[in-house]
Amino acid sequence: VCADPVVILESRLDFSKYVPNGFGTGDCLIIAEPVLDVIDLK
């Protein structure tokens, strides 16, 4: 669906707009307009 999707591994994610001082680490993100994948390894 997207010619040039972007893959980001182990990125710092800031969600402090919703949770005070909230941040964490995303294992894998894939951005392929119009979809954003968020993948977590357990």
PDB file of all heavy atoms in Angstrom:
ATOM      1  N   VAL A   1       0.817  -1.219   0.000  1.00  0.00           N
ATOM      2  CA  VAL A   1       0.000   0.000   0.000  1.00  0.00           C
ATOM      3  C   VAL A   1       0.848   1.266   0.000  1.00  0.00           C
ATOM      4  O   VAL A   1       0.323   2.368  -0.156  1.00  0.00           O
ATOM      5  CB  VAL A   1      -0.944   0.027   1.222  1.00  0.00           C
ATOM      6  CG1 VAL A   1      -1.947  -1.115   1.152  1.00  0.00           C
ATOM      7  CG2 VAL A   1      -0.160  -0.023   2.525  1.00  0.00           C
ATOM      8  N   CYS A   2       2.162   1.093   0.208  1.00  0.00           N
ATOM      9  CA  CYS A   2       3.040   2.265   0.278  1.00  0.00           C
ATOM     10  C   CYS A   2       4.370   1.916  -0.371  1.00  0.00           C
ATOM     11  O   CYS A   2       4.977   0.895  -0.048  1.00  0.00           O
ATOM     12  CB  CYS A   2       3.242   2.675   1.737  1.00  0.00           C
ATOM     13  SG  CYS A   2       4.355   4.082   1.975  1.00  0.00           S
ATOM     14  N   ALA A   3       4.833   2.750  -1.280  1.00  0.00           N
ATOM     15  CA  ALA A   3       6.053   2.452  -2.029  1.00  0.00           C
ATOM     16  C   ALA A   3       7.309   2.525  -1.160  1.00  0.00           C
ATOM     17  O   ALA A   3       8.286   1.817  -1.418  1.00  0.00           O
ATOM     18  CB  ALA A   3       6.175   3.417  -3.209  1.00  0.00           C
ATOM     19  N   ASP A   4       7.286   3.379  -0.159  1.00  0.00           N
ATOM     20  CA  ASP A   4       8.495   3.571   0.649  1.00  0.00           C
ATOM     21  C   ASP A   4       8.179   3.599   2.143  1.00  0.00           C
ATOM     22  O   ASP A   4       8.313   4.642   2.792  1.00  0.00           O
ATOM     23  CB  ASP A   4       9.207   4.859   0.230  1.00  0.00           C
ATOM     24  CG  ASP A   4       8.272   6.061   0.273  1.00  0.00           C
ATOM     25  OD1 ASP A   4       7.044   5.861   0.436  1.00  0.00           O
ATOM     26  OD2 ASP A   4       8.764   7.203   0.169  1.00  0.00           O
ATOM     27  N   PRO A   5       7.743   2.474   2.713  1.00  0.00           N
ATOM     28  CA  PRO A   5       7.455   2.435   4.150  1.00  0.00           C
ATOM     29  C   PRO A   5       8.720   2.658   4.974  1.00  0.00           C
ATOM     30  O   PRO A   5       9.835   2.373   4.518  1.00  0.00           O
ATOM     31  CB  PRO A   5       6.897   1.025   4.364  1.00  0.00           C
ATOM     32  CG  PRO A   5       7.469   0.220   3.252  1.00  0.00           C
ATOM     33  CD  PRO A   5       7.549   1.151   2.088  1.00  0.00           C
ATOM     34  N   VAL A   6       8.533   3.164   6.179  1.00  0.00           N
ATOM     35  CA  VAL A   6       9.649   3.453   7.073  1.00  0.00           C
ATOM     36  C   VAL A   6       9.582   2.504   8.258  1.00  0.00           C
ATOM     37  O   VAL A   6       8.518   2.298   8.855  1.00  0.00           O
ATOM     38  CB  VAL A   6       9.583   4.916   7.576  1.00  0.00           C
ATOM     39  CG1 VAL A   6      10.730   5.201   8.536  1.00  0.00           C
ATOM     40  CG2 VAL A   6       9.623   5.887   6.395  1.00  0.00           C
ATOM     41  N   VAL A   7      10.727   1.897   8.597  1.00  0.00           N
ATOM     42  CA  VAL A   7      10.816   1.001   9.750  1.00  0.00           C
ATOM     43  C   VAL A   7      11.720   1.634  10.796  1.00  0.00           C
ATOM     44  O   VAL A   7      12.844   2.054  10.484  1.00  0.00           O
ATOM     45  CB  VAL A   7      11.372  -0.383   9.369  1.00  0.00           C
ATOM     46  CG1 VAL A   7      11.394  -1.297  10.590  1.00  0.00           C
ATOM     47  CG2 VAL A   7      10.555  -0.998   8.252  1.00  0.00           C
ATOM     48  N   ILE A   8      11.245   1.714  12.027  1.00  0.00           N
ATOM     49  CA  ILE A   8      12.030   2.282  13.128  1.00  0.00           C
ATOM     50  C   ILE A   8      12.056   1.276  14.270  1.00  0.00           C
ATOM     51  O   ILE A   8      10.995   0.851  14.766  1.00  0.00           O
ATOM     52  CB  ILE A   8      11.448   3.613  13.637  1.00  0.00           C
ATOM     53  CG1 ILE A   8      11.249   4.604  12.476  1.00  0.00           C
ATOM     54  CG2 ILE A   8      12.336   4.225  14.711  1.00  0.00           C
ATOM     55  CD1 ILE A   8       9.844   4.715  11.994  1.00  0.00           C
ATOM     56  N   LEU A   9      13.257   0.895  14.678  1.00  0.00           N
ATOM     57  CA  LEU A   9      13.422  -0.052  15.773  1.00  0.00           C
ATOM     58  C   LEU A   9      13.876   0.668  17.039  1.00  0.00           C
ATOM     59  O   LEU A   9      14.696   1.580  16.980  1.00  0.00           O
ATOM     60  CB  LEU A   9      14.445  -1.132  15.411  1.00  0.00           C
ATOM     61  CG  LEU A   9      14.145  -1.979  14.183  1.00  0.00           C
ATOM     62  CD1 LEU A   9      15.285  -2.981  13.955  1.00  0.00           C
ATOM     63  CD2 LEU A   9      12.822  -2.721  14.327  1.00  0.00           C
ATOM     64  N   GLU A  10      13.356   0.234  18.172  1.00  0.00           N
ATOM     65  CA  GLU A  10      13.787   0.725  19.480  1.00  0.00           C
ATOM     66  C   GLU A  10      13.790   2.251  19.540  1.00  0.00           C
ATOM     67  O   GLU A  10      14.812   2.895  19.754  1.00  0.00           O
ATOM     68  CB  GLU A  10      15.167   0.175  19.827  1.00  0.00           C
ATOM     69  CG  GLU A  10      15.212  -1.327  19.966  1.00  0.00           C
ATOM     70  CD  GLU A  10      14.302  -1.841  21.090  1.00  0.00           C
ATOM     71  OE1 GLU A  10      14.309  -1.264  22.195  1.00  0.00           O
ATOM     72  OE2 GLU A  10      13.580  -2.829  20.838  1.00  0.00           O
ATOM     73  N   SER A  11      12.625   2.842  19.387  1.00  0.00           N
ATOM     74  CA  SER A  11      12.516   4.304  19.408  1.00  0.00           C
ATOM     75  C   SER A  11      11.884   4.774  20.718  1.00  0.00           C
ATOM     76  O   SER A  11      10.984   4.127  21.266  1.00  0.00           O
ATOM     77  CB  SER A  11      11.669   4.795  18.231  1.00  0.00           C
ATOM     78  OG  SER A  11      10.388   4.198  18.250  1.00  0.00           O
ATOM     79  N   ARG A  12      12.370   5.891  21.228  1.00  0.00           N
ATOM     80  CA  ARG A  12      11.806   6.497  22.426  1.00  0.00           C
ATOM     81  C   ARG A  12      10.489   7.162  22.060  1.00  0.00           C
ATOM     82  O   ARG A  12      10.432   7.982  21.140  1.00  0.00           O
ATOM     83  CB  ARG A  12      12.768   7.521  23.016  1.00  0.00           C
ATOM     84  CG  ARG A  12      12.263   8.152  24.327  1.00  0.00           C
ATOM     85  CD  ARG A  12      13.235   9.239  24.771  1.00  0.00           C
ATOM     86  NE  ARG A  12      12.742   9.969  25.921  1.00  0.00           N
ATOM     87  CZ  ARG A  12      12.995   9.663  27.188  1.00  0.00           C
ATOM     88  NH1 ARG A  12      13.756   8.617  27.465  1.00  0.00           N
ATOM     89  NH2 ARG A  12      12.517  10.383  28.181  1.00  0.00           N
ATOM     90  N   LEU A  13       9.439   6.815  22.775  1.00  0.00           N
ATOM     91  CA  LEU A  13       8.111   7.330  22.474  1.00  0.00           C
ATOM     92  C   LEU A  13       7.610   8.168  23.644  1.00  0.00           C
ATOM     93  O   LEU A  13       7.526   7.696  24.774  1.00  0.00           O
ATOM     94  CB  LEU A  13       7.145   6.167  22.205  1.00  0.00           C
ATOM     95  CG  LEU A  13       7.544   5.246  21.045  1.00  0.00           C
ATOM     96  CD1 LEU A  13       6.574   4.080  20.935  1.00  0.00           C
ATOM     97  CD2 LEU A  13       7.613   6.018  19.730  1.00  0.00           C
ATOM     98  N   ASP A  14       7.290   9.401  23.362  1.00  0.00           N
ATOM     99  CA  ASP A  14       6.851  10.363  24.371  1.00  0.00           C
ATOM    100  C   ASP A  14       5.333  10.519  24.288  1.00  0.00           C
ATOM    101  O   ASP A  14       4.808  10.987  23.283  1.00  0.00           O
ATOM    102  CB  ASP A  14       7.556  11.697  24.105  1.00  0.00           C
ATOM    103  CG  ASP A  14       7.190  12.779  25.117  1.00  0.00           C
ATOM    104  OD1 ASP A  14       6.196  12.614  25.845  1.00  0.00           O
ATOM    105  OD2 ASP A  14       7.899  13.796  25.157  1.00  0.00           O
ATOM    106  N   PHE A  15       4.638  10.086  25.343  1.00  0.00           N
ATOM    107  CA  PHE A  15       3.185  10.261  25.372  1.00  0.00           C
ATOM    108  C   PHE A  15       2.779  11.181  26.521  1.00  0.00           C
ATOM    109  O   PHE A  15       1.699  11.060  27.094  1.00  0.00           O
ATOM    110  CB  PHE A  15       2.468   8.901  25.467  1.00  0.00           C
ATOM    111  CG  PHE A  15       3.049   7.942  26.471  1.00  0.00           C
ATOM    112  CD1 PHE A  15       2.674   7.983  27.810  1.00  0.00           C
ATOM    113  CD2 PHE A  15       3.964   6.982  26.078  1.00  0.00           C
ATOM    114  CE1 PHE A  15       3.200   7.100  28.725  1.00  0.00           C
ATOM    115  CE2 PHE A  15       4.508   6.089  26.989  1.00  0.00           C
ATOM    116  CZ  PHE A  15       4.118   6.142  28.319  1.00  0.00           C
ATOM    117  N   SER A  16       3.678  12.139  26.852  1.00  0.00           N
ATOM    118  CA  SER A  16       3.452  13.034  27.984  1.00  0.00           C
ATOM    119  C   SER A  16       2.306  14.018  27.749  1.00  0.00           C
ATOM    120  O   SER A  16       1.852  14.679  28.691  1.00  0.00           O
ATOM    121  CB  SER A  16       4.731  13.803  28.315  1.00  0.00           C
ATOM    122  OG  SER A  16       5.183  14.555  27.195  1.00  0.00           O
ATOM    123  N   LYS A  17       1.836  14.129  26.522  1.00  0.00           N
ATOM    124  CA  LYS A  17       0.671  14.974  26.254  1.00  0.00           C
ATOM    125  C   LYS A  17      -0.554  14.432  26.976  1.00  0.00           C
ATOM    126  O   LYS A  17      -1.470  15.182  27.326  1.00  0.00           O
ATOM    127  CB  LYS A  17       0.405  15.040  24.744  1.00  0.00           C
ATOM    128  CG  LYS A  17      -0.797  15.894  24.364  1.00  0.00           C
ATOM    129  CD  LYS A  17      -0.987  15.944  22.861  1.00  0.00           C
ATOM    130  CE  LYS A  17      -2.211  16.783  22.496  1.00  0.00           C
ATOM    131  NZ  LYS A  17      -2.416  16.829  21.023  1.00  0.00           N
ATOM    132  N   TYR A  18      -0.549  13.139  27.238  1.00  0.00           N
ATOM    133  CA  TYR A  18      -1.699  12.486  27.859  1.00  0.00           C
ATOM    134  C   TYR A  18      -1.397  11.981  29.273  1.00  0.00           C
ATOM    135  O   TYR A  18      -2.295  11.902  30.110  1.00  0.00           O
ATOM    136  CB  TYR A  18      -2.151  11.305  26.989  1.00  0.00           C
ATOM    137  CG  TYR A  18      -2.355  11.705  25.549  1.00  0.00           C
ATOM    138  CD1 TYR A  18      -1.348  11.521  24.594  1.00  0.00           C
ATOM    139  CD2 TYR A  18      -3.540  12.299  25.141  1.00  0.00           C
ATOM    140  CE1 TYR A  18      -1.523  11.910  23.279  1.00  0.00           C
ATOM    141  CE2 TYR A  18      -3.721  12.698  23.820  1.00  0.00           C
ATOM    142  CZ  TYR A  18      -2.707  12.505  22.902  1.00  0.00           C
ATOM    143  OH  TYR A  18      -2.879  12.912  21.596  1.00  0.00           O
ATOM    144  N   VAL A  19      -0.136  11.634  29.514  1.00  0.00           N
ATOM    145  CA  VAL A  19       0.294  11.084  30.803  1.00  0.00           C
ATOM    146  C   VAL A  19       1.481  11.896  31.285  1.00  0.00           C
ATOM    147  O   VAL A  19       2.496  11.964  30.579  1.00  0.00           O
ATOM    148  CB  VAL A  19       0.708   9.598  30.652  1.00  0.00           C
ATOM    149  CG1 VAL A  19       1.250   9.052  31.967  1.00  0.00           C
ATOM    150  CG2 VAL A  19      -0.473   8.766  30.172  1.00  0.00           C
ATOM    151  N   PRO A  20       1.402  12.534  32.453  1.00  0.00           N
ATOM    152  CA  PRO A  20       2.505  13.387  32.909  1.00  0.00           C
ATOM    153  C   PRO A  20       3.855  12.670  32.875  1.00  0.00           C
ATOM    154  O   PRO A  20       4.014  11.592  33.441  1.00  0.00           O
ATOM    155  CB  PRO A  20       2.105  13.739  34.348  1.00  0.00           C
ATOM    156  CG  PRO A  20       0.608  13.662  34.347  1.00  0.00           C
ATOM    157  CD  PRO A  20       0.282  12.524  33.421  1.00  0.00           C
ATOM    158  N   ASN A  21       4.802  13.275  32.182  1.00  0.00           N
ATOM    159  CA  ASN A  21       6.167  12.750  32.058  1.00  0.00           C
ATOM    160  C   ASN A  21       6.192  11.334  31.481  1.00  0.00           C
ATOM    161  O   ASN A  21       7.138  10.576  31.717  1.00  0.00           O
ATOM    162  CB  ASN A  21       6.889  12.757  33.409  1.00  0.00           C
ATOM    163  CG  ASN A  21       7.106  14.157  33.942  1.00  0.00           C
ATOM    164  OD1 ASN A  21       6.997  15.138  33.214  1.00  0.00           O
ATOM    165  ND2 ASN A  21       7.410  14.272  35.227  1.00  0.00           N
ATOM    166  N   GLY A  22       5.186  10.983  30.721  1.00  0.00           N
ATOM    167  CA  GLY A  22       5.088   9.628  30.192  1.00  0.00           C
ATOM    168  C   GLY A  22       5.945   9.394  28.964  1.00  0.00           C
ATOM    169  O   GLY A  22       5.920  10.172  28.010  1.00  0.00           O
ATOM    170  N   PHE A  23       6.735   8.328  29.004  1.00  0.00           N
ATOM    171  CA  PHE A  23       7.534   7.936  27.844  1.00  0.00           C
ATOM    172  C   PHE A  23       7.840   6.443  27.950  1.00  0.00           C
ATOM    173  O   PHE A  23       7.691   5.828  29.009  1.00  0.00           O
ATOM    174  CB  PHE A  23       8.841   8.732  27.766  1.00  0.00           C
ATOM    175  CG  PHE A  23       9.777   8.483  28.915  1.00  0.00           C
ATOM    176  CD1 PHE A  23      10.718   7.470  28.868  1.00  0.00           C
ATOM    177  CD2 PHE A  23       9.713   9.262  30.055  1.00  0.00           C
ATOM    178  CE1 PHE A  23      11.589   7.238  29.925  1.00  0.00           C
ATOM    179  CE2 PHE A  23      10.567   9.041  31.128  1.00  0.00           C
ATOM    180  CZ  PHE A  23      11.508   8.023  31.064  1.00  0.00           C
ATOM    181  N   GLY A  24       8.246   5.872  26.844  1.00  0.00           N
ATOM    182  CA  GLY A  24       8.603   4.456  26.817  1.00  0.00           C
ATOM    183  C   GLY A  24       9.382   4.158  25.555  1.00  0.00           C
ATOM    184  O   GLY A  24       9.753   5.067  24.799  1.00  0.00           O
ATOM    185  N   THR A  25       9.645   2.891  25.312  1.00  0.00           N
ATOM    186  CA  THR A  25      10.411   2.476  24.139  1.00  0.00           C
ATOM    187  C   THR A  25       9.570   1.556  23.265  1.00  0.00           C
ATOM    188  O   THR A  25       9.057   0.540  23.739  1.00  0.00           O
ATOM    189  CB  THR A  25      11.701   1.742  24.551  1.00  0.00           C
ATOM    190  OG1 THR A  25      12.495   2.607  25.359  1.00  0.00           O
ATOM    191  CG2 THR A  25      12.500   1.330  23.321  1.00  0.00           C
ATOM    192  N   GLY A  26       9.439   1.936  22.004  1.00  0.00           N
ATOM    193  CA  GLY A  26       8.701   1.109  21.057  1.00  0.00           C
ATOM    194  C   GLY A  26       9.644   0.131  20.380  1.00  0.00           C
ATOM    195  O   GLY A  26      10.682   0.535  19.846  1.00  0.00           O
ATOM    196  N   ASP A  27       9.312  -1.149  20.405  1.00  0.00           N
ATOM    197  CA  ASP A  27      10.188  -2.155  19.806  1.00  0.00           C
ATOM    198  C   ASP A  27      10.307  -1.978  18.296  1.00  0.00           C
ATOM    199  O   ASP A  27      11.390  -2.043  17.729  1.00  0.00           O
ATOM    200  CB  ASP A  27       9.682  -3.566  20.129  1.00  0.00           C
ATOM    201  CG  ASP A  27       9.821  -3.903  21.599  1.00  0.00           C
ATOM    202  OD1 ASP A  27      10.691  -3.306  22.268  1.00  0.00           O
ATOM    203  OD2 ASP A  27       9.058  -4.757  22.082  1.00  0.00           O
ATOM    204  N   CYS A  28       9.171  -1.755  17.644  1.00  0.00           N
ATOM    205  CA  CYS A  28       9.207  -1.586  16.182  1.00  0.00           C
ATOM    206  C   CYS A  28       8.010  -0.766  15.715  1.00  0.00           C
ATOM    207  O   CYS A  28       6.875  -1.009  16.142  1.00  0.00           O
ATOM    208  CB  CYS A  28       9.191  -2.947  15.487  1.00  0.00           C
ATOM    209  SG  CYS A  28       9.194  -2.835  13.676  1.00  0.00           S
ATOM    210  N   LEU A  29       8.289   0.185  14.861  1.00  0.00           N
ATOM    211  CA  LEU A  29       7.242   0.972  14.201  1.00  0.00           C
ATOM    212  C   LEU A  29       7.423   0.815  12.701  1.00  0.00           C
ATOM    213  O   LEU A  29       8.544   0.809  12.192  1.00  0.00           O
ATOM    214  CB  LEU A  29       7.346   2.456  14.561  1.00  0.00           C
ATOM    215  CG  LEU A  29       7.368   2.851  16.033  1.00  0.00           C
ATOM    216  CD1 LEU A  29       7.551   4.366  16.162  1.00  0.00           C
ATOM    217  CD2 LEU A  29       6.092   2.410  16.727  1.00  0.00           C
ATOM    218  N   ILE A  30       6.307   0.676  11.997  1.00  0.00           N
ATOM    219  CA  ILE A  30       6.332   0.672  10.534  1.00  0.00           C
ATOM    220  C   ILE A  30       5.321   1.710  10.066  1.00  0.00           C
ATOM    221  O   ILE A  30       4.132   1.616  10.397  1.00  0.00           O
ATOM    222  CB  ILE A  30       5.978  -0.708   9.952  1.00  0.00           C
ATOM    223  CG1 ILE A  30       6.974  -1.764  10.429  1.00  0.00           C
ATOM    224  CG2 ILE A  30       5.961  -0.647   8.424  1.00  0.00           C
ATOM    225  CD1 ILE A  30       6.635  -3.177   9.963  1.00  0.00           C
ATOM    226  N   ILE A  31       5.796   2.681   9.334  1.00  0.00           N
ATOM    227  CA  ILE A  31       4.918   3.735   8.826  1.00  0.00           C
ATOM    228  C   ILE A  31       4.757   3.544   7.331  1.00  0.00           C
ATOM    229  O   ILE A  31       5.720   3.621   6.567  1.00  0.00           O
ATOM    230  CB  ILE A  31       5.490   5.130   9.117  1.00  0.00           C
ATOM    231  CG1 ILE A  31       5.760   5.287  10.617  1.00  0.00           C
ATOM    232  CG2 ILE A  31       4.510   6.209   8.643  1.00  0.00           C
ATOM    233  CD1 ILE A  31       6.496   6.559  10.974  1.00  0.00           C
ATOM    234  N   ALA A  32       3.531   3.256   6.952  1.00  0.00           N
ATOM    235  CA  ALA A  32       3.206   3.059   5.537  1.00  0.00           C
ATOM    236  C   ALA A  32       1.874   3.749   5.301  1.00  0.00           C
ATOM    237  O   ALA A  32       0.817   3.154   5.512  1.00  0.00           O
ATOM    238  CB  ALA A  32       3.128   1.578   5.190  1.00  0.00           C
ATOM    239  N   GLU A  33       1.955   5.004   4.907  1.00  0.00           N
ATOM    240  CA  GLU A  33       0.726   5.785   4.745  1.00  0.00           C
ATOM    241  C   GLU A  33      -0.350   4.991   4.002  1.00  0.00           C
ATOM    242  O   GLU A  33      -0.063   4.396   2.974  1.00  0.00           O
ATOM    243  CB  GLU A  33       1.038   7.067   3.968  1.00  0.00           C
ATOM    244  CG  GLU A  33       2.122   7.931   4.601  1.00  0.00           C
ATOM    245  CD  GLU A  33       2.524   9.073   3.702  1.00  0.00           C
ATOM    246  OE1 GLU A  33       1.621   9.770   3.185  1.00  0.00           O
ATOM    247  OE2 GLU A  33       3.727   9.247   3.489  1.00  0.00           O
ATOM    248  N   PRO A  34      -1.547   4.910   4.594  1.00  0.00           N
ATOM    249  CA  PRO A  34      -2.058   5.679   5.736  1.00  0.00           C
ATOM    250  C   PRO A  34      -2.014   4.924   7.073  1.00  0.00           C
ATOM    251  O   PRO A  34      -2.737   5.286   7.997  1.00  0.00           O
ATOM    252  CB  PRO A  34      -3.514   5.908   5.321  1.00  0.00           C
ATOM    253  CG  PRO A  34      -3.877   4.620   4.627  1.00  0.00           C
ATOM    254  CD  PRO A  34      -2.622   4.179   3.908  1.00  0.00           C
ATOM    255  N   VAL A  35      -1.168   3.890   7.175  1.00  0.00           N
ATOM    256  CA  VAL A  35      -1.184   3.020   8.359  1.00  0.00           C
ATOM    257  C   VAL A  35       0.121   3.145   9.155  1.00  0.00           C
ATOM    258  O   VAL A  35       1.211   3.214   8.574  1.00  0.00           O
ATOM    259  CB  VAL A  35      -1.391   1.540   7.950  1.00  0.00           C
ATOM    260  CG1 VAL A  35      -1.414   0.645   9.179  1.00  0.00           C
ATOM    261  CG2 VAL A  35      -2.679   1.377   7.156  1.00  0.00           C
ATOM    262  N   LEU A  36      -0.023   3.155  10.465  1.00  0.00           N
ATOM    263  CA  LEU A  36       1.108   3.102  11.380  1.00  0.00           C
ATOM    264  C   LEU A  36       1.014   1.799  12.161  1.00  0.00           C
ATOM    265  O   LEU A  36       0.021   1.550  12.845  1.00  0.00           O
ATOM    266  CB  LEU A  36       1.068   4.291  12.340  1.00  0.00           C
ATOM    267  CG  LEU A  36       1.946   4.209  13.593  1.00  0.00           C
ATOM    268  CD1 LEU A  36       3.419   4.194  13.220  1.00  0.00           C
ATOM    269  CD2 LEU A  36       1.643   5.363  14.542  1.00  0.00           C
ATOM    270  N   ASP A  37       2.035   0.959  12.024  1.00  0.00           N
ATOM    271  CA  ASP A  37       2.120  -0.281  12.804  1.00  0.00           C
ATOM    272  C   ASP A  37       2.955  -0.040  14.057  1.00  0.00           C
ATOM    273  O   ASP A  37       4.028   0.573  13.985  1.00  0.00           O
ATOM    274  CB  ASP A  37       2.802  -1.393  11.997  1.00  0.00           C
ATOM    275  CG  ASP A  37       1.859  -2.086  11.032  1.00  0.00           C
ATOM    276  OD1 ASP A  37       0.714  -1.642  10.900  1.00  0.00           O
ATOM    277  OD2 ASP A  37       2.283  -3.073  10.400  1.00  0.00           O
ATOM    278  N   VAL A  38       2.461  -0.524  15.185  1.00  0.00           N
ATOM    279  CA  VAL A  38       3.226  -0.505  16.435  1.00  0.00           C
ATOM    280  C   VAL A  38       3.327  -1.953  16.899  1.00  0.00           C
ATOM    281  O   VAL A  38       2.321  -2.594  17.178  1.00  0.00           O
ATOM    282  CB  VAL A  38       2.535   0.351  17.514  1.00  0.00           C
ATOM    283  CG1 VAL A  38       3.363   0.358  18.799  1.00  0.00           C
ATOM    284  CG2 VAL A  38       2.312   1.779  17.012  1.00  0.00           C
ATOM    285  N   ILE A  39       4.561  -2.469  16.947  1.00  0.00           N
ATOM    286  CA  ILE A  39       4.774  -3.892  17.249  1.00  0.00           C
ATOM    287  C   ILE A  39       5.571  -4.024  18.535  1.00  0.00           C
ATOM    288  O   ILE A  39       6.617  -3.387  18.702  1.00  0.00           O
ATOM    289  CB  ILE A  39       5.508  -4.590  16.091  1.00  0.00           C
ATOM    290  CG1 ILE A  39       4.708  -4.429  14.785  1.00  0.00           C
ATOM    291  CG2 ILE A  39       5.736  -6.064  16.407  1.00  0.00           C
ATOM    292  CD1 ILE A  39       5.451  -4.867  13.546  1.00  0.00           C
ATOM    293  N   ASP A  40       5.080  -4.844  19.447  1.00  0.00           N
ATOM    294  CA  ASP A  40       5.745  -5.030  20.738  1.00  0.00           C
ATOM    295  C   ASP A  40       6.097  -6.499  20.921  1.00  0.00           C
ATOM    296  O   ASP A  40       5.248  -7.377  20.752  1.00  0.00           O
ATOM    297  CB  ASP A  40       4.825  -4.563  21.873  1.00  0.00           C
ATOM    298  CG  ASP A  40       5.553  -4.469  23.204  1.00  0.00           C
ATOM    299  OD1 ASP A  40       6.610  -3.825  23.261  1.00  0.00           O
ATOM    300  OD2 ASP A  40       5.066  -5.042  24.201  1.00  0.00           O
ATOM    301  N   LEU A  41       7.350  -6.745  21.265  1.00  0.00           N
ATOM    302  CA  LEU A  41       7.814  -8.105  21.518  1.00  0.00           C
ATOM    303  C   LEU A  41       7.624  -8.443  22.991  1.00  0.00           C
ATOM    304  O   LEU A  41       8.066  -7.710  23.867  1.00  0.00           O
ATOM    305  CB  LEU A  41       9.294  -8.230  21.155  1.00  0.00           C
ATOM    306  CG  LEU A  41       9.999  -9.529  21.568  1.00  0.00           C
ATOM    307  CD1 LEU A  41       9.404 -10.715  20.830  1.00  0.00           C
ATOM    308  CD2 LEU A  41      11.497  -9.418  21.323  1.00  0.00           C
ATOM    309  N   LYS A  42       6.952  -9.552  23.253  1.00  0.00           N
ATOM    310  CA  LYS A  42       6.800 -10.074  24.612  1.00  0.00           C
ATOM    311  C   LYS A  42       7.509 -11.426  24.656  1.00  0.00           C
ATOM    312  O   LYS A  42       7.091 -12.371  23.986  1.00  0.00           O
ATOM    313  CB  LYS A  42       5.317 -10.249  24.967  1.00  0.00           C
ATOM    314  CG  LYS A  42       4.486  -8.974  24.927  1.00  0.00           C
ATOM    315  CD  LYS A  42       4.858  -8.018  26.023  1.00  0.00           C
ATOM    316  CE  LYS A  42       3.891  -6.834  26.063  1.00  0.00           C
ATOM    317  NZ  LYS A  42       4.365  -5.797  27.016  1.00  0.00           N
TER     318      LYS A  42
END
